[in-house]
Amino acid sequence: MSAIGLRPLALIAALSLAACGNRASPPAPPATPGPPAAPAVPVPDTETVTARYDCPTAGEVDIIRDGRFARLRMIDGRTVHLGAIQGSRPPVWSEVGLRFVADGDFVELSQTSGRTIACTSLPPPAEGDTPDR
């Protein structure tokens, strides 16, 4: 063979050797599973409910966190948190589309669509009793 014919063979041999040297290492064996994790301990509800209201056909409203929030637990199972409007008189809690007002005997939950529900006061929950969320 001539010198020109050996060059392509040398190039192929060099590339083949280089490719063999860059092989990926074999995959690591799968990790053995450890002991199952302990079930999560439920976090106690430390929010103090300062007032509760029943809004027929809508649900119940709890005033929580020193009046900074109102929690509406709807009859369909959903929960909506309403933020207090600071400095409002009478006290008003609001979220997009909902407004809750509590002023003595006047307590109502209203929607921006115009639906208004008169609410009544409920006794606060017993110590250690937390309503479902």
N, C-alpha and C. Protein backbone atom coordinates (compact mmCIF):
# COMPACT_ATOMS: atom_id res chain seq x y z
N MET A 1 0.83 -1.17 0.00
CA MET A 1 0.00 0.00 0.00
C MET A 1 0.87 1.23 0.00
N SER A 2 0.33 2.26 -0.57
CA SER A 2 1.09 3.50 -0.62
C SER A 2 0.84 4.30 0.64
N ALA A 3 1.64 5.31 0.87
CA ALA A 3 1.51 6.17 2.05
C ALA A 3 0.20 6.90 2.04
N ILE A 4 -0.32 7.24 0.86
CA ILE A 4 -1.58 7.96 0.77
C ILE A 4 -2.71 7.02 1.18
N GLY A 5 -2.64 5.74 0.87
CA GLY A 5 -3.68 4.78 1.22
C GLY A 5 -3.70 4.48 2.70
N LEU A 6 -2.57 4.66 3.40
CA LEU A 6 -2.51 4.39 4.83
C LEU A 6 -3.10 5.51 5.67
N ARG A 7 -3.10 6.72 5.16
CA ARG A 7 -3.62 7.85 5.94
C ARG A 7 -5.10 7.68 6.31
N PRO A 8 -5.97 7.31 5.37
CA PRO A 8 -7.37 7.13 5.78
C PRO A 8 -7.53 6.00 6.79
N LEU A 9 -6.75 4.94 6.65
CA LEU A 9 -6.83 3.84 7.62
C LEU A 9 -6.35 4.29 8.99
N ALA A 10 -5.32 5.08 9.04
CA ALA A 10 -4.80 5.58 10.31
C ALA A 10 -5.83 6.51 10.97
N LEU A 11 -6.49 7.32 10.15
CA LEU A 11 -7.50 8.23 10.67
C LEU A 11 -8.68 7.45 11.24
N ILE A 12 -9.12 6.41 10.54
CA ILE A 12 -10.22 5.58 11.03
C ILE A 12 -9.83 4.89 12.32
N ALA A 13 -8.61 4.37 12.40
CA ALA A 13 -8.15 3.69 13.61
C ALA A 13 -8.09 4.67 14.79
N ALA A 14 -7.62 5.88 14.55
CA ALA A 14 -7.52 6.89 15.62
C ALA A 14 -8.90 7.27 16.13
N LEU A 15 -9.85 7.45 15.21
CA LEU A 15 -11.21 7.81 15.62
C LEU A 15 -11.87 6.66 16.38
N SER A 16 -11.61 5.44 15.97
CA SER A 16 -12.18 4.28 16.66
C SER A 16 -11.65 4.16 18.07
N LEU A 17 -10.35 4.38 18.25
CA LEU A 17 -9.77 4.33 19.59
C LEU A 17 -10.30 5.45 20.47
N ALA A 18 -10.46 6.63 19.88
CA ALA A 18 -10.97 7.77 20.65
C ALA A 18 -12.41 7.50 21.09
N ALA A 19 -13.19 6.90 20.21
CA ALA A 19 -14.58 6.61 20.56
C ALA A 19 -14.66 5.58 21.67
N CYS A 20 -13.77 4.62 21.68
CA CYS A 20 -13.77 3.60 22.74
C CYS A 20 -13.41 4.21 24.09
N GLY A 21 -12.57 5.21 24.09
CA GLY A 21 -12.14 5.81 25.35
C GLY A 21 -13.21 6.71 25.97
N ASN A 22 -14.23 7.15 25.19
CA ASN A 22 -15.25 8.06 25.70
C ASN A 22 -16.55 7.35 26.04
N ARG A 23 -16.49 6.06 26.24
CA ARG A 23 -17.70 5.33 26.59
C ARG A 23 -18.24 5.83 27.93
N ALA A 24 -19.54 5.88 28.01
CA ALA A 24 -20.16 6.29 29.27
C ALA A 24 -19.99 5.18 30.29
N SER A 25 -19.83 5.58 31.52
CA SER A 25 -19.69 4.58 32.57
C SER A 25 -21.02 3.87 32.75
N PRO A 26 -20.99 2.63 33.21
CA PRO A 26 -22.24 1.88 33.36
C PRO A 26 -23.14 2.59 34.39
N PRO A 27 -24.44 2.47 34.23
CA PRO A 27 -25.35 3.15 35.16
C PRO A 27 -25.20 2.59 36.57
N ALA A 28 -25.38 3.47 37.52
CA ALA A 28 -25.28 3.07 38.93
C ALA A 28 -26.45 2.16 39.26
N PRO A 29 -26.22 1.19 40.13
CA PRO A 29 -27.34 0.31 40.49
C PRO A 29 -28.42 1.12 41.21
N PRO A 30 -29.68 0.73 41.06
CA PRO A 30 -30.75 1.50 41.70
C PRO A 30 -30.57 1.48 43.22
N ALA A 31 -30.90 2.62 43.81
CA ALA A 31 -30.77 2.74 45.26
C ALA A 31 -31.80 1.83 45.93
N THR A 32 -31.39 1.21 47.00
CA THR A 32 -32.32 0.36 47.73
C THR A 32 -33.26 1.25 48.50
N PRO A 33 -34.53 0.94 48.46
CA PRO A 33 -35.49 1.80 49.17
C PRO A 33 -35.26 1.73 50.68
N GLY A 34 -35.36 2.89 51.31
CA GLY A 34 -35.21 2.96 52.76
C GLY A 34 -36.53 2.62 53.43
N PRO A 35 -36.55 2.72 54.72
CA PRO A 35 -37.80 2.44 55.43
C PRO A 35 -38.85 3.48 55.04
N PRO A 36 -40.12 3.10 55.04
CA PRO A 36 -41.16 4.06 54.66
C PRO A 36 -41.17 5.25 55.62
N ALA A 37 -41.48 6.41 55.06
CA ALA A 37 -41.53 7.63 55.87
C ALA A 37 -42.71 7.56 56.82
N ALA A 38 -42.52 8.13 57.98
CA ALA A 38 -43.61 8.18 58.96
C ALA A 38 -44.70 9.10 58.43
N PRO A 39 -45.96 8.80 58.71
CA PRO A 39 -47.03 9.69 58.23
C PRO A 39 -46.88 11.08 58.84
N ALA A 40 -47.25 12.07 58.04
CA ALA A 40 -47.14 13.46 58.51
C ALA A 40 -48.08 13.68 59.68
N VAL A 41 -47.57 14.36 60.66
CA VAL A 41 -48.38 14.69 61.83
C VAL A 41 -49.21 15.92 61.49
N PRO A 42 -50.52 15.88 61.67
CA PRO A 42 -51.33 17.04 61.34
C PRO A 42 -50.95 18.23 62.21
N VAL A 43 -50.90 19.39 61.58
CA VAL A 43 -50.56 20.61 62.30
C VAL A 43 -51.84 21.13 62.96
N PRO A 44 -51.79 21.40 64.25
CA PRO A 44 -53.00 21.88 64.92
C PRO A 44 -53.37 23.27 64.41
N ASP A 45 -54.66 23.51 64.32
CA ASP A 45 -55.15 24.80 63.88
C ASP A 45 -55.06 25.76 65.06
N THR A 46 -54.11 26.68 64.98
CA THR A 46 -53.90 27.61 66.09
C THR A 46 -54.60 28.95 65.84
N GLU A 47 -55.37 29.03 64.77
CA GLU A 47 -56.08 30.26 64.48
C GLU A 47 -57.25 30.40 65.44
N THR A 48 -57.30 31.49 66.11
CA THR A 48 -58.39 31.73 67.04
C THR A 48 -59.56 32.33 66.29
N VAL A 49 -60.69 31.67 66.39
CA VAL A 49 -61.91 32.18 65.77
C VAL A 49 -62.54 33.15 66.77
N THR A 50 -62.64 34.42 66.37
CA THR A 50 -63.19 35.43 67.28
C THR A 50 -64.69 35.63 67.09
N ALA A 51 -65.23 35.24 65.94
CA ALA A 51 -66.67 35.32 65.69
C ALA A 51 -67.02 34.35 64.59
N ARG A 52 -68.27 33.85 64.64
CA ARG A 52 -68.75 32.91 63.62
C ARG A 52 -70.14 33.36 63.17
N TYR A 53 -70.40 33.15 61.88
CA TYR A 53 -71.68 33.54 61.31
C TYR A 53 -72.19 32.46 60.37
N ASP A 54 -73.52 32.29 60.38
CA ASP A 54 -74.18 31.36 59.47
C ASP A 54 -74.83 32.19 58.36
N CYS A 55 -74.48 31.86 57.13
CA CYS A 55 -75.06 32.53 55.96
C CYS A 55 -75.82 31.48 55.17
N PRO A 56 -77.14 31.34 55.42
CA PRO A 56 -77.91 30.28 54.77
C PRO A 56 -77.75 30.29 53.26
N THR A 57 -77.67 29.12 52.69
CA THR A 57 -77.49 28.85 51.25
C THR A 57 -76.09 29.19 50.75
N ALA A 58 -75.22 29.72 51.63
CA ALA A 58 -73.84 30.03 51.22
C ALA A 58 -72.83 29.23 52.04
N GLY A 59 -72.95 29.28 53.37
CA GLY A 59 -72.02 28.57 54.24
C GLY A 59 -71.84 29.29 55.56
N GLU A 60 -70.68 29.09 56.17
CA GLU A 60 -70.36 29.74 57.44
C GLU A 60 -69.11 30.59 57.29
N VAL A 61 -69.10 31.69 58.02
CA VAL A 61 -67.97 32.61 58.00
C VAL A 61 -67.35 32.64 59.38
N ASP A 62 -66.04 32.46 59.46
CA ASP A 62 -65.29 32.58 60.71
C ASP A 62 -64.40 33.81 60.59
N ILE A 63 -64.39 34.64 61.61
CA ILE A 63 -63.46 35.77 61.67
C ILE A 63 -62.23 35.25 62.41
N ILE A 64 -61.06 35.33 61.76
CA ILE A 64 -59.84 34.74 62.32
C ILE A 64 -58.69 35.75 62.30
N ARG A 65 -57.60 35.34 62.97
CA ARG A 65 -56.37 36.13 63.02
C ARG A 65 -56.62 37.57 63.44
N ASP A 66 -57.28 37.71 64.58
CA ASP A 66 -57.57 39.04 65.14
C ASP A 66 -58.34 39.92 64.17
N GLY A 67 -59.21 39.33 63.37
CA GLY A 67 -60.04 40.09 62.45
C GLY A 67 -59.37 40.44 61.14
N ARG A 68 -58.15 39.96 60.93
CA ARG A 68 -57.46 40.29 59.68
C ARG A 68 -58.02 39.50 58.50
N PHE A 69 -58.68 38.36 58.76
CA PHE A 69 -59.24 37.53 57.70
C PHE A 69 -60.60 37.01 58.11
N ALA A 70 -61.41 36.74 57.12
CA ALA A 70 -62.67 36.02 57.31
C ALA A 70 -62.56 34.78 56.42
N ARG A 71 -62.92 33.63 56.97
CA ARG A 71 -62.85 32.38 56.22
C ARG A 71 -64.28 31.93 55.93
N LEU A 72 -64.65 31.88 54.67
CA LEU A 72 -65.97 31.43 54.25
C LEU A 72 -65.87 29.96 53.87
N ARG A 73 -66.53 29.11 54.65
CA ARG A 73 -66.59 27.69 54.34
C ARG A 73 -67.92 27.45 53.64
N MET A 74 -67.87 27.32 52.34
CA MET A 74 -69.07 27.24 51.53
C MET A 74 -69.73 25.86 51.64
N ILE A 75 -71.03 25.82 51.37
CA ILE A 75 -71.77 24.56 51.51
C ILE A 75 -71.34 23.52 50.49
N ASP A 76 -70.66 23.94 49.40
CA ASP A 76 -70.19 22.97 48.41
C ASP A 76 -68.79 22.45 48.73
N GLY A 77 -68.23 22.83 49.90
CA GLY A 77 -66.93 22.32 50.33
C GLY A 77 -65.77 23.24 50.07
N ARG A 78 -65.95 24.26 49.26
CA ARG A 78 -64.84 25.20 48.99
C ARG A 78 -64.63 26.13 50.18
N THR A 79 -63.40 26.63 50.31
CA THR A 79 -63.07 27.60 51.34
C THR A 79 -62.48 28.82 50.67
N VAL A 80 -62.99 29.99 51.07
CA VAL A 80 -62.50 31.25 50.52
C VAL A 80 -62.05 32.12 51.68
N HIS A 81 -60.85 32.70 51.57
CA HIS A 81 -60.34 33.62 52.58
C HIS A 81 -60.55 35.04 52.10
N LEU A 82 -61.22 35.83 52.93
CA LEU A 82 -61.50 37.22 52.62
C LEU A 82 -60.59 38.10 53.47
N GLY A 83 -59.91 39.03 52.87
CA GLY A 83 -59.03 39.93 53.60
C GLY A 83 -59.78 41.13 54.12
N ALA A 84 -59.39 41.60 55.31
CA ALA A 84 -60.02 42.77 55.91
C ALA A 84 -59.63 44.02 55.13
N ILE A 85 -60.60 44.89 54.94
CA ILE A 85 -60.32 46.19 54.35
C ILE A 85 -59.98 47.10 55.52
N GLN A 86 -58.72 47.46 55.62
CA GLN A 86 -58.22 48.23 56.76
C GLN A 86 -58.93 49.57 56.89
N GLY A 87 -59.34 49.88 58.11
CA GLY A 87 -59.96 51.17 58.41
C GLY A 87 -61.41 51.28 58.01
N SER A 88 -62.00 50.21 57.50
CA SER A 88 -63.40 50.30 57.07
C SER A 88 -64.32 50.31 58.28
N ARG A 89 -65.36 51.13 58.21
CA ARG A 89 -66.39 51.20 59.25
C ARG A 89 -67.72 51.14 58.57
N PRO A 90 -68.51 50.12 58.77
CA PRO A 90 -68.34 48.94 59.60
C PRO A 90 -67.26 48.03 59.01
N PRO A 91 -66.81 47.06 59.81
CA PRO A 91 -65.77 46.15 59.32
C PRO A 91 -66.23 45.40 58.06
N VAL A 92 -65.33 45.37 57.06
CA VAL A 92 -65.62 44.72 55.79
C VAL A 92 -64.45 43.81 55.44
N TRP A 93 -64.78 42.59 54.99
CA TRP A 93 -63.79 41.65 54.47
C TRP A 93 -64.17 41.39 53.02
N SER A 94 -63.17 41.30 52.16
CA SER A 94 -63.48 41.20 50.75
C SER A 94 -62.50 40.31 50.01
N GLU A 95 -62.97 39.72 48.94
CA GLU A 95 -62.17 38.96 47.98
C GLU A 95 -62.89 39.15 46.65
N VAL A 96 -62.21 38.89 45.57
CA VAL A 96 -62.78 39.12 44.26
C VAL A 96 -64.18 38.51 44.17
N GLY A 97 -65.17 39.35 43.97
CA GLY A 97 -66.54 38.89 43.79
C GLY A 97 -67.33 38.71 45.07
N LEU A 98 -66.70 38.76 46.25
CA LEU A 98 -67.39 38.56 47.53
C LEU A 98 -67.09 39.69 48.49
N ARG A 99 -68.10 39.99 49.34
CA ARG A 99 -67.92 41.03 50.36
C ARG A 99 -68.71 40.59 51.59
N PHE A 100 -68.06 40.65 52.75
CA PHE A 100 -68.71 40.28 54.01
C PHE A 100 -68.66 41.49 54.93
N VAL A 101 -69.82 41.87 55.48
CA VAL A 101 -69.93 43.03 56.37
C VAL A 101 -70.55 42.56 57.67
N ALA A 102 -69.95 42.96 58.80
CA ALA A 102 -70.49 42.62 60.11
C ALA A 102 -70.51 43.88 60.97
N ASP A 103 -71.73 44.37 61.27
CA ASP A 103 -71.90 45.58 62.08
C ASP A 103 -73.05 45.35 63.04
N GLY A 104 -72.71 44.82 64.22
CA GLY A 104 -73.75 44.54 65.21
C GLY A 104 -74.72 43.50 64.68
N ASP A 105 -76.00 43.87 64.60
CA ASP A 105 -77.02 42.94 64.10
C ASP A 105 -77.07 42.89 62.58
N PHE A 106 -76.41 43.83 61.92
CA PHE A 106 -76.39 43.83 60.45
C PHE A 106 -75.18 43.05 59.98
N VAL A 107 -75.43 41.85 59.46
CA VAL A 107 -74.35 40.99 58.96
C VAL A 107 -74.82 40.43 57.62
N GLU A 108 -74.00 40.65 56.56
CA GLU A 108 -74.40 40.12 55.27
C GLU A 108 -73.20 39.73 54.43
N LEU A 109 -73.44 38.77 53.56
CA LEU A 109 -72.48 38.31 52.58
C LEU A 109 -73.07 38.67 51.22
N SER A 110 -72.29 39.37 50.39
CA SER A 110 -72.83 39.77 49.10
C SER A 110 -71.84 39.44 47.99
N GLN A 111 -72.40 39.26 46.80
CA GLN A 111 -71.61 39.00 45.60
C GLN A 111 -71.74 40.22 44.69
N THR A 112 -70.73 40.41 43.85
CA THR A 112 -70.79 41.54 42.93
C THR A 112 -71.93 41.38 41.93
N SER A 113 -72.44 40.17 41.78
CA SER A 113 -73.57 39.95 40.88
C SER A 113 -74.86 40.52 41.43
N GLY A 114 -74.85 40.93 42.71
CA GLY A 114 -76.03 41.51 43.32
C GLY A 114 -76.70 40.60 44.34
N ARG A 115 -76.32 39.35 44.42
CA ARG A 115 -76.92 38.43 45.39
C ARG A 115 -76.43 38.80 46.79
N THR A 116 -77.36 38.96 47.72
CA THR A 116 -77.03 39.31 49.10
C THR A 116 -77.70 38.33 50.04
N ILE A 117 -76.95 37.85 51.03
CA ILE A 117 -77.46 36.88 51.99
C ILE A 117 -77.31 37.47 53.39
N ALA A 118 -78.41 37.53 54.13
CA ALA A 118 -78.36 37.97 55.52
C ALA A 118 -77.79 36.83 56.36
N CYS A 119 -76.85 37.14 57.23
CA CYS A 119 -76.19 36.14 58.06
C CYS A 119 -76.55 36.36 59.52
N THR A 120 -76.45 35.29 60.31
CA THR A 120 -76.72 35.39 61.74
C THR A 120 -75.49 34.93 62.53
N SER A 121 -75.35 35.48 63.71
CA SER A 121 -74.22 35.14 64.56
C SER A 121 -74.38 33.74 65.13
N LEU A 122 -73.26 33.01 65.23
CA LEU A 122 -73.21 31.68 65.84
C LEU A 122 -72.33 31.76 67.08
N PRO A 123 -72.52 30.85 68.02
CA PRO A 123 -71.61 30.85 69.17
C PRO A 123 -70.21 30.45 68.72
N PRO A 124 -69.18 31.01 69.37
CA PRO A 124 -67.81 30.61 69.00
C PRO A 124 -67.60 29.13 69.30
N PRO A 125 -66.68 28.49 68.58
CA PRO A 125 -66.44 27.05 68.83
C PRO A 125 -65.89 26.83 70.23
N ALA A 126 -66.16 25.64 70.77
CA ALA A 126 -65.63 25.29 72.10
C ALA A 126 -64.12 25.23 72.03
N GLU A 127 -63.46 25.43 73.16
CA GLU A 127 -61.99 25.39 73.24
C GLU A 127 -61.50 24.06 72.68
N GLY A 128 -60.57 24.13 71.75
CA GLY A 128 -59.99 22.92 71.16
C GLY A 128 -60.80 22.38 70.00
N ASP A 129 -62.00 22.93 69.77
CA ASP A 129 -62.83 22.49 68.66
C ASP A 129 -62.54 23.38 67.47
N THR A 130 -62.12 22.79 66.37
CA THR A 130 -61.83 23.58 65.18
C THR A 130 -62.78 23.13 64.08
N PRO A 131 -63.38 24.08 63.38
CA PRO A 131 -64.29 23.71 62.30
C PRO A 131 -63.54 23.09 61.14
N ASP A 132 -64.23 22.26 60.37
CA ASP A 132 -63.62 21.67 59.18
C ASP A 132 -63.25 22.76 58.22
N ARG A 133 -62.15 22.51 57.46
CA ARG A 133 -61.75 23.52 56.49
C ARG A 133 -62.17 23.11 55.13
